[in-house]
Amino acid sequence: MPLRPQCFWAILLSQYRRRTGSGPCTRGRRLRPPKGDFVTKYLFQFARILAFCFLGEILHAVLPLPIPASIYGLVLMLALLMTGALKLDAVEDAGKFMIEIMPVMFIPAGVGLMESWGELKAVLVPVLVITLVSTIVVMVVSGRVTQAVIRLEKKHKGGDAK
């Protein structure tokens, strides 16, 4: 016999109350979710990241430099992480989640490209050539820089570098 929707929600609510200790049966013992609650943790971590984004927007409006607001926010967060004023645990889980869903964020850009196909068709060959050449250049430069850094690390540690 399948559960009625009312039963499902009653069971879910009772399990949440049992796990968190909230509800009418607690008699004032603990009226909020525990500190490590999943939803609360992610909400507060996202709020911290959004606060840095907001501070970046403020700096972008105040400072007359041609730097995007997101860069201001990232630099502020990096500075606080490096100094220890902001602990990595305070933003780590939300940051990992955002990295995991990053491919989904490219869908609107792809849809925008498909919608502007008429304008792109005229310049498709030059755009493809530029994209291909710049990708190859970035790969070559990244590889060379990585090889140079590895050689310097080996030399610094006393190993033989080729």
N, C-alpha and C. Protein backbone atom coordinates (compact mmCIF):
# COMPACT_ATOMS: atom_id res chain seq x y z
N MET A 1 0.85 -1.17 0.00
CA MET A 1 0.00 0.00 0.00
C MET A 1 0.90 1.24 0.00
N PRO A 2 0.78 2.13 -1.00
CA PRO A 2 1.65 3.30 -1.06
C PRO A 2 1.30 4.31 0.04
N LEU A 3 2.31 5.08 0.40
CA LEU A 3 2.10 6.12 1.41
C LEU A 3 1.30 7.27 0.82
N ARG A 4 0.40 7.79 1.62
CA ARG A 4 -0.30 9.00 1.20
C ARG A 4 0.67 10.17 1.36
N PRO A 5 0.50 11.24 0.56
CA PRO A 5 1.43 12.37 0.68
C PRO A 5 1.49 12.95 2.10
N GLN A 6 0.35 12.95 2.81
CA GLN A 6 0.37 13.48 4.17
C GLN A 6 1.27 12.64 5.06
N CYS A 7 1.22 11.32 4.89
CA CYS A 7 2.07 10.44 5.69
C CYS A 7 3.54 10.67 5.39
N PHE A 8 3.86 10.84 4.10
CA PHE A 8 5.25 11.06 3.70
C PHE A 8 5.81 12.30 4.39
N TRP A 9 5.05 13.41 4.32
CA TRP A 9 5.54 14.65 4.90
C TRP A 9 5.59 14.56 6.42
N ALA A 10 4.66 13.84 7.04
CA ALA A 10 4.69 13.67 8.48
C ALA A 10 5.93 12.88 8.90
N ILE A 11 6.24 11.82 8.16
CA ILE A 11 7.43 11.02 8.47
C ILE A 11 8.70 11.85 8.28
N LEU A 12 8.76 12.59 7.17
CA LEU A 12 9.93 13.42 6.90
C LEU A 12 10.12 14.46 8.00
N LEU A 13 9.04 15.12 8.40
CA LEU A 13 9.13 16.14 9.44
C LEU A 13 9.54 15.52 10.77
N SER A 14 8.99 14.36 11.09
CA SER A 14 9.35 13.73 12.36
C SER A 14 10.82 13.31 12.37
N GLN A 15 11.33 12.83 11.24
CA GLN A 15 12.75 12.47 11.17
C GLN A 15 13.64 13.69 11.32
N TYR A 16 13.23 14.80 10.69
CA TYR A 16 14.02 16.03 10.82
C TYR A 16 14.01 16.50 12.27
N ARG A 17 12.84 16.47 12.90
CA ARG A 17 12.75 16.91 14.29
C ARG A 17 13.55 16.01 15.21
N ARG A 18 13.52 14.71 14.95
CA ARG A 18 14.28 13.79 15.78
C ARG A 18 15.77 14.03 15.62
N ARG A 19 16.19 14.30 14.38
CA ARG A 19 17.62 14.49 14.11
C ARG A 19 18.13 15.81 14.65
N THR A 20 17.31 16.87 14.54
CA THR A 20 17.78 18.20 14.94
C THR A 20 17.39 18.57 16.35
N GLY A 21 16.43 17.85 16.92
CA GLY A 21 16.01 18.17 18.27
C GLY A 21 15.06 19.35 18.32
N SER A 22 14.45 19.73 17.19
CA SER A 22 13.51 20.85 17.20
C SER A 22 12.09 20.30 17.13
N GLY A 23 11.17 21.09 17.53
CA GLY A 23 9.77 20.69 17.49
C GLY A 23 9.11 20.89 18.83
N PRO A 24 7.81 20.57 18.89
CA PRO A 24 7.07 20.84 20.13
C PRO A 24 7.48 19.94 21.29
N CYS A 25 8.16 18.83 21.03
CA CYS A 25 8.50 17.89 22.10
C CYS A 25 9.84 18.18 22.76
N THR A 26 10.51 19.24 22.36
CA THR A 26 11.86 19.48 22.89
C THR A 26 11.85 20.17 24.23
N ARG A 27 10.75 20.83 24.60
CA ARG A 27 10.62 21.55 25.88
C ARG A 27 11.78 22.52 26.09
N GLY A 28 12.15 23.22 25.00
CA GLY A 28 13.16 24.26 25.10
C GLY A 28 14.59 23.78 25.14
N ARG A 29 14.84 22.50 24.90
CA ARG A 29 16.22 22.02 24.97
C ARG A 29 17.08 22.58 23.84
N ARG A 30 16.62 22.43 22.61
CA ARG A 30 17.38 22.93 21.47
C ARG A 30 16.37 23.29 20.39
N LEU A 31 16.23 24.57 20.11
CA LEU A 31 15.19 25.01 19.20
C LEU A 31 15.71 25.32 17.80
N ARG A 32 16.99 25.17 17.57
CA ARG A 32 17.51 25.38 16.22
C ARG A 32 18.32 24.17 15.79
N PRO A 33 18.54 24.05 14.49
CA PRO A 33 19.31 22.91 14.00
C PRO A 33 20.73 22.94 14.56
N PRO A 34 21.36 21.79 14.65
CA PRO A 34 22.74 21.76 15.16
C PRO A 34 23.68 22.54 14.26
N LYS A 35 24.84 22.87 14.80
CA LYS A 35 25.78 23.73 14.09
C LYS A 35 26.21 23.14 12.75
N GLY A 36 26.33 21.85 12.64
CA GLY A 36 26.79 21.22 11.41
C GLY A 36 25.66 20.86 10.45
N ASP A 37 24.48 21.44 10.62
CA ASP A 37 23.36 21.12 9.74
C ASP A 37 23.72 21.46 8.30
N PHE A 38 23.39 20.56 7.40
CA PHE A 38 23.77 20.66 5.99
C PHE A 38 23.28 21.95 5.35
N VAL A 39 22.00 22.23 5.45
CA VAL A 39 21.41 23.39 4.79
C VAL A 39 21.95 24.67 5.37
N THR A 40 22.01 24.74 6.69
CA THR A 40 22.49 25.96 7.34
C THR A 40 23.94 26.24 6.97
N LYS A 41 24.75 25.20 6.94
CA LYS A 41 26.17 25.37 6.61
C LYS A 41 26.34 25.94 5.21
N TYR A 42 25.63 25.38 4.23
CA TYR A 42 25.75 25.86 2.86
C TYR A 42 25.20 27.27 2.72
N LEU A 43 24.10 27.57 3.39
CA LEU A 43 23.54 28.92 3.30
C LEU A 43 24.50 29.96 3.84
N PHE A 44 25.10 29.68 4.99
CA PHE A 44 26.03 30.65 5.55
C PHE A 44 27.30 30.77 4.70
N GLN A 45 27.77 29.68 4.12
CA GLN A 45 28.95 29.76 3.27
C GLN A 45 28.66 30.55 2.00
N PHE A 46 27.49 30.31 1.40
CA PHE A 46 27.11 31.11 0.22
C PHE A 46 26.96 32.58 0.60
N ALA A 47 26.41 32.85 1.78
CA ALA A 47 26.25 34.23 2.22
C ALA A 47 27.60 34.92 2.37
N ARG A 48 28.59 34.19 2.88
CA ARG A 48 29.93 34.78 3.00
C ARG A 48 30.52 35.10 1.63
N ILE A 49 30.37 34.18 0.70
CA ILE A 49 30.90 34.42 -0.65
C ILE A 49 30.18 35.59 -1.30
N LEU A 50 28.86 35.65 -1.14
CA LEU A 50 28.10 36.76 -1.70
C LEU A 50 28.48 38.09 -1.05
N ALA A 51 28.84 38.06 0.23
CA ALA A 51 29.28 39.29 0.89
C ALA A 51 30.56 39.82 0.24
N PHE A 52 31.46 38.92 -0.12
CA PHE A 52 32.68 39.37 -0.81
C PHE A 52 32.35 39.90 -2.20
N CYS A 53 31.40 39.29 -2.87
CA CYS A 53 30.97 39.81 -4.17
C CYS A 53 30.39 41.21 -4.03
N PHE A 54 29.60 41.41 -2.97
CA PHE A 54 29.01 42.73 -2.73
C PHE A 54 30.09 43.76 -2.41
N LEU A 55 31.07 43.37 -1.59
CA LEU A 55 32.18 44.29 -1.31
C LEU A 55 32.95 44.63 -2.57
N GLY A 56 33.11 43.65 -3.46
CA GLY A 56 33.75 43.92 -4.74
C GLY A 56 32.97 44.91 -5.57
N GLU A 57 31.64 44.79 -5.55
CA GLU A 57 30.79 45.75 -6.28
C GLU A 57 30.95 47.16 -5.70
N ILE A 58 31.02 47.25 -4.39
CA ILE A 58 31.20 48.56 -3.76
C ILE A 58 32.55 49.16 -4.15
N LEU A 59 33.61 48.35 -4.08
CA LEU A 59 34.93 48.85 -4.46
C LEU A 59 34.97 49.27 -5.94
N HIS A 60 34.28 48.51 -6.78
CA HIS A 60 34.25 48.85 -8.20
C HIS A 60 33.55 50.19 -8.42
N ALA A 61 32.52 50.47 -7.64
CA ALA A 61 31.81 51.74 -7.78
C ALA A 61 32.61 52.90 -7.21
N VAL A 62 33.42 52.64 -6.18
CA VAL A 62 34.15 53.71 -5.51
C VAL A 62 35.49 54.00 -6.18
N LEU A 63 36.23 52.96 -6.53
CA LEU A 63 37.56 53.15 -7.11
C LEU A 63 37.48 53.38 -8.62
N PRO A 64 38.24 54.31 -9.15
CA PRO A 64 38.17 54.62 -10.59
C PRO A 64 39.09 53.75 -11.44
N LEU A 65 39.31 52.50 -11.04
CA LEU A 65 40.20 51.62 -11.79
C LEU A 65 39.39 50.72 -12.73
N PRO A 66 39.95 50.36 -13.88
CA PRO A 66 39.21 49.50 -14.82
C PRO A 66 39.34 48.01 -14.47
N ILE A 67 38.99 47.67 -13.23
CA ILE A 67 39.07 46.30 -12.75
C ILE A 67 37.66 45.82 -12.46
N PRO A 68 37.29 44.64 -12.93
CA PRO A 68 35.93 44.14 -12.67
C PRO A 68 35.67 43.93 -11.18
N ALA A 69 34.41 44.07 -10.80
CA ALA A 69 34.02 43.93 -9.39
C ALA A 69 34.32 42.53 -8.87
N SER A 70 34.18 41.53 -9.72
CA SER A 70 34.44 40.16 -9.26
C SER A 70 35.90 39.97 -8.87
N ILE A 71 36.80 40.65 -9.55
CA ILE A 71 38.23 40.55 -9.20
C ILE A 71 38.48 41.19 -7.84
N TYR A 72 37.86 42.32 -7.58
CA TYR A 72 37.99 42.94 -6.25
C TYR A 72 37.53 41.96 -5.16
N GLY A 73 36.39 41.34 -5.37
CA GLY A 73 35.86 40.41 -4.39
C GLY A 73 36.77 39.21 -4.19
N LEU A 74 37.29 38.66 -5.29
CA LEU A 74 38.19 37.51 -5.18
C LEU A 74 39.49 37.88 -4.48
N VAL A 75 40.03 39.06 -4.76
CA VAL A 75 41.27 39.48 -4.12
C VAL A 75 41.05 39.71 -2.63
N LEU A 76 39.91 40.30 -2.28
CA LEU A 76 39.59 40.48 -0.86
C LEU A 76 39.50 39.13 -0.15
N MET A 77 38.79 38.19 -0.76
CA MET A 77 38.65 36.88 -0.14
C MET A 77 40.01 36.19 -0.03
N LEU A 78 40.82 36.28 -1.07
CA LEU A 78 42.15 35.68 -1.04
C LEU A 78 43.01 36.30 0.07
N ALA A 79 42.94 37.62 0.19
CA ALA A 79 43.74 38.29 1.23
C ALA A 79 43.32 37.83 2.62
N LEU A 80 42.01 37.71 2.84
CA LEU A 80 41.56 37.26 4.16
C LEU A 80 41.88 35.79 4.40
N LEU A 81 41.81 34.98 3.36
CA LEU A 81 42.20 33.58 3.51
C LEU A 81 43.69 33.44 3.80
N MET A 82 44.51 34.23 3.12
CA MET A 82 45.96 34.15 3.32
C MET A 82 46.37 34.65 4.71
N THR A 83 45.69 35.67 5.22
CA THR A 83 46.02 36.20 6.55
C THR A 83 45.43 35.37 7.67
N GLY A 84 44.48 34.52 7.35
CA GLY A 84 43.85 33.70 8.37
C GLY A 84 42.63 34.36 9.00
N ALA A 85 42.29 35.56 8.57
CA ALA A 85 41.11 36.23 9.11
C ALA A 85 39.84 35.49 8.69
N LEU A 86 39.87 34.83 7.55
CA LEU A 86 38.77 34.00 7.09
C LEU A 86 39.29 32.58 6.99
N LYS A 87 38.67 31.68 7.70
CA LYS A 87 39.10 30.28 7.67
C LYS A 87 38.56 29.61 6.42
N LEU A 88 39.33 28.69 5.88
CA LEU A 88 38.92 27.98 4.67
C LEU A 88 37.63 27.21 4.90
N ASP A 89 37.44 26.68 6.09
CA ASP A 89 36.21 25.94 6.40
C ASP A 89 34.97 26.80 6.24
N ALA A 90 35.12 28.12 6.33
CA ALA A 90 33.98 29.02 6.27
C ALA A 90 33.41 29.14 4.86
N VAL A 91 34.15 28.73 3.82
CA VAL A 91 33.67 28.86 2.44
C VAL A 91 33.98 27.64 1.58
N GLU A 92 34.63 26.63 2.15
CA GLU A 92 35.16 25.52 1.34
C GLU A 92 34.06 24.69 0.68
N ASP A 93 33.06 24.27 1.44
CA ASP A 93 32.04 23.38 0.88
C ASP A 93 31.22 24.07 -0.20
N ALA A 94 30.84 25.31 0.03
CA ALA A 94 30.08 26.05 -0.98
C ALA A 94 30.92 26.30 -2.22
N GLY A 95 32.21 26.57 -2.03
CA GLY A 95 33.10 26.76 -3.18
C GLY A 95 33.24 25.49 -4.01
N LYS A 96 33.38 24.35 -3.33
CA LYS A 96 33.46 23.08 -4.06
C LYS A 96 32.17 22.81 -4.82
N PHE A 97 31.03 23.12 -4.19
CA PHE A 97 29.75 22.92 -4.86
C PHE A 97 29.67 23.79 -6.12
N MET A 98 30.10 25.04 -6.03
CA MET A 98 30.03 25.92 -7.20
C MET A 98 30.96 25.45 -8.31
N ILE A 99 32.11 24.88 -7.95
CA ILE A 99 33.00 24.34 -8.98
C ILE A 99 32.37 23.12 -9.64
N GLU A 100 31.66 22.30 -8.85
CA GLU A 100 31.02 21.11 -9.41
C GLU A 100 29.92 21.46 -10.40
N ILE A 101 29.19 22.55 -10.17
CA ILE A 101 28.10 22.91 -11.07
C ILE A 101 28.51 23.93 -12.12
N MET A 102 29.80 24.22 -12.21
CA MET A 102 30.27 25.22 -13.16
C MET A 102 29.87 24.92 -14.61
N PRO A 103 29.93 23.67 -15.08
CA PRO A 103 29.52 23.43 -16.47
C PRO A 103 28.08 23.85 -16.76
N VAL A 104 27.21 23.77 -15.78
CA VAL A 104 25.83 24.19 -15.98
C VAL A 104 25.76 25.69 -16.25
N MET A 105 26.69 26.45 -15.70
CA MET A 105 26.70 27.89 -15.88
C MET A 105 27.07 28.31 -17.30
N PHE A 106 27.62 27.40 -18.08
CA PHE A 106 27.97 27.72 -19.46
C PHE A 106 26.80 27.52 -20.42
N ILE A 107 25.72 26.93 -19.96
CA ILE A 107 24.56 26.70 -20.82
C ILE A 107 23.98 28.01 -21.37
N PRO A 108 23.78 29.05 -20.54
CA PRO A 108 23.25 30.30 -21.12
C PRO A 108 24.16 30.90 -22.20
N ALA A 109 25.47 30.79 -22.02
CA ALA A 109 26.38 31.31 -23.05
C ALA A 109 26.23 30.52 -24.34
N GLY A 110 26.09 29.20 -24.23
CA GLY A 110 25.90 28.38 -25.43
C GLY A 110 24.58 28.69 -26.13
N VAL A 111 23.54 28.91 -25.34
CA VAL A 111 22.24 29.28 -25.93
C VAL A 111 22.34 30.64 -26.61
N GLY A 112 23.07 31.56 -26.02
CA GLY A 112 23.26 32.87 -26.63
C GLY A 112 23.99 32.77 -27.96
N LEU A 113 24.98 31.88 -28.03
CA LEU A 113 25.69 31.67 -29.29
C LEU A 113 24.76 31.08 -30.35
N MET A 114 23.92 30.16 -29.94
CA MET A 114 23.00 29.55 -30.91
C MET A 114 21.97 30.56 -31.39
N GLU A 115 21.54 31.45 -30.50
CA GLU A 115 20.56 32.47 -30.91
C GLU A 115 21.17 33.49 -31.85
N SER A 116 22.45 33.77 -31.72
CA SER A 116 23.09 34.76 -32.59
C SER A 116 23.83 34.10 -33.75
N TRP A 117 23.38 32.93 -34.17
CA TRP A 117 24.03 32.20 -35.26
C TRP A 117 24.04 33.01 -36.56
N GLY A 118 23.01 33.77 -36.80
CA GLY A 118 22.94 34.57 -38.03
C GLY A 118 24.09 35.57 -38.14
N GLU A 119 24.41 36.22 -37.03
CA GLU A 119 25.51 37.20 -37.04
C GLU A 119 26.87 36.50 -37.04
N LEU A 120 26.94 35.34 -36.40
CA LEU A 120 28.22 34.63 -36.32
C LEU A 120 28.60 33.92 -37.61
N LYS A 121 27.61 33.59 -38.43
CA LYS A 121 27.88 32.84 -39.65
C LYS A 121 28.84 33.60 -40.58
N ALA A 122 28.72 34.91 -40.62
CA ALA A 122 29.56 35.71 -41.50
C ALA A 122 31.03 35.71 -41.05
N VAL A 123 31.29 35.60 -39.78
CA VAL A 123 32.66 35.68 -39.26
C VAL A 123 33.11 34.35 -38.66
N LEU A 124 32.48 33.26 -39.05
CA LEU A 124 32.76 31.96 -38.44
C LEU A 124 34.20 31.50 -38.68
N VAL A 125 34.69 31.61 -39.91
CA VAL A 125 36.05 31.13 -40.22
C VAL A 125 37.10 31.92 -39.44
N PRO A 126 37.07 33.26 -39.45
CA PRO A 126 38.08 33.97 -38.65
C PRO A 126 38.00 33.65 -37.15
N VAL A 127 36.79 33.50 -36.63
CA VAL A 127 36.64 33.18 -35.20
C VAL A 127 37.23 31.80 -34.90
N LEU A 128 36.97 30.82 -35.75
CA LEU A 128 37.50 29.48 -35.55
C LEU A 128 39.03 29.46 -35.64
N VAL A 129 39.59 30.20 -36.62
CA VAL A 129 41.05 30.26 -36.76
C VAL A 129 41.68 30.90 -35.52
N ILE A 130 41.10 32.01 -35.08
CA ILE A 130 41.63 32.70 -33.90
C ILE A 130 41.53 31.80 -32.67
N THR A 131 40.41 31.10 -32.53
CA THR A 131 40.23 30.20 -31.40
C THR A 131 41.24 29.07 -31.42
N LEU A 132 41.43 28.47 -32.57
CA LEU A 132 42.37 27.37 -32.70
C LEU A 132 43.80 27.82 -32.41
N VAL A 133 44.22 28.94 -33.02
CA VAL A 133 45.59 29.43 -32.82
C VAL A 133 45.81 29.82 -31.36
N SER A 134 44.87 30.55 -30.77
CA SER A 134 45.06 30.98 -29.39
C SER A 134 45.06 29.79 -28.43
N THR A 135 44.27 28.75 -28.72
CA THR A 135 44.29 27.55 -27.87
C THR A 135 45.64 26.86 -27.94
N ILE A 136 46.19 26.74 -29.14
CA ILE A 136 47.50 26.10 -29.28
C ILE A 136 48.58 26.92 -28.58
N VAL A 137 48.54 28.25 -28.73
CA VAL A 137 49.53 29.10 -28.07
C VAL A 137 49.44 28.96 -26.55
N VAL A 138 48.22 28.95 -26.02
CA VAL A 138 48.06 28.82 -24.57
C VAL A 138 48.57 27.47 -24.09
N MET A 139 48.31 26.41 -24.84
CA MET A 139 48.79 25.09 -24.45
C MET A 139 50.31 25.03 -24.46
N VAL A 140 50.93 25.58 -25.49
CA VAL A 140 52.40 25.56 -25.59
C VAL A 140 53.03 26.38 -24.48
N VAL A 141 52.53 27.59 -24.26
CA VAL A 141 53.10 28.45 -23.22
C VAL A 141 52.90 27.82 -21.84
N SER A 142 51.72 27.25 -21.59
CA SER A 142 51.47 26.61 -20.29
C SER A 142 52.41 25.43 -20.08
N GLY A 143 52.61 24.64 -21.11
CA GLY A 143 53.53 23.50 -21.00
C GLY A 143 54.95 23.94 -20.73
N ARG A 144 55.41 24.96 -21.45
CA ARG A 144 56.79 25.45 -21.25
C ARG A 144 56.97 26.03 -19.84
N VAL A 145 55.99 26.79 -19.40
CA VAL A 145 56.09 27.37 -18.05
C VAL A 145 56.10 26.26 -17.00
N THR A 146 55.26 25.26 -17.18
CA THR A 146 55.23 24.13 -16.24
C THR A 146 56.56 23.40 -16.23
N GLN A 147 57.14 23.15 -17.40
CA GLN A 147 58.45 22.50 -17.46
C GLN A 147 59.52 23.32 -16.77
N ALA A 148 59.48 24.64 -16.97
CA ALA A 148 60.48 25.51 -16.34
C ALA A 148 60.33 25.49 -14.82
N VAL A 149 59.10 25.51 -14.33
CA VAL A 149 58.88 25.47 -12.89
C VAL A 149 59.35 24.14 -12.30
N ILE A 150 59.08 23.05 -13.00
CA ILE A 150 59.53 21.74 -12.52
C ILE A 150 61.05 21.68 -12.48
N ARG A 151 61.71 22.21 -13.50
CA ARG A 151 63.18 22.24 -13.50
C ARG A 151 63.72 23.06 -12.35
N LEU A 152 63.13 24.22 -12.11
CA LEU A 152 63.57 25.07 -11.00
C LEU A 152 63.37 24.38 -9.66
N GLU A 153 62.26 23.67 -9.49
CA GLU A 153 62.02 22.96 -8.23
C GLU A 153 63.04 21.84 -8.05
N LYS A 154 63.34 21.11 -9.13
CA LYS A 154 64.34 20.04 -9.02
C LYS A 154 65.71 20.61 -8.69
N LYS A 155 66.06 21.73 -9.34
CA LYS A 155 67.34 22.35 -9.09
C LYS A 155 67.41 22.88 -7.65
N HIS A 156 66.32 23.44 -7.19
CA HIS A 156 66.26 23.97 -5.84
C HIS A 156 66.38 22.89 -4.79
N LYS A 157 65.79 21.70 -5.05
CA LYS A 157 65.85 20.60 -4.11
C LYS A 157 67.12 19.78 -4.22
N GLY A 158 67.93 20.07 -5.19
CA GLY A 158 69.20 19.38 -5.32
C GLY A 158 69.18 18.23 -6.29
N GLY A 159 68.05 17.99 -6.93
CA GLY A 159 67.98 16.93 -7.94
C GLY A 159 68.59 17.41 -9.23
N ASP A 160 68.83 16.49 -10.17
CA ASP A 160 69.39 16.91 -11.45
C ASP A 160 68.24 17.28 -12.40
N ALA A 161 68.43 18.43 -13.01
CA ALA A 161 67.44 18.91 -13.99
C ALA A 161 67.99 18.74 -15.38
N LYS A 162 67.14 18.29 -16.28
CA LYS A 162 67.57 18.11 -17.65
C LYS A 162 67.27 19.32 -18.47
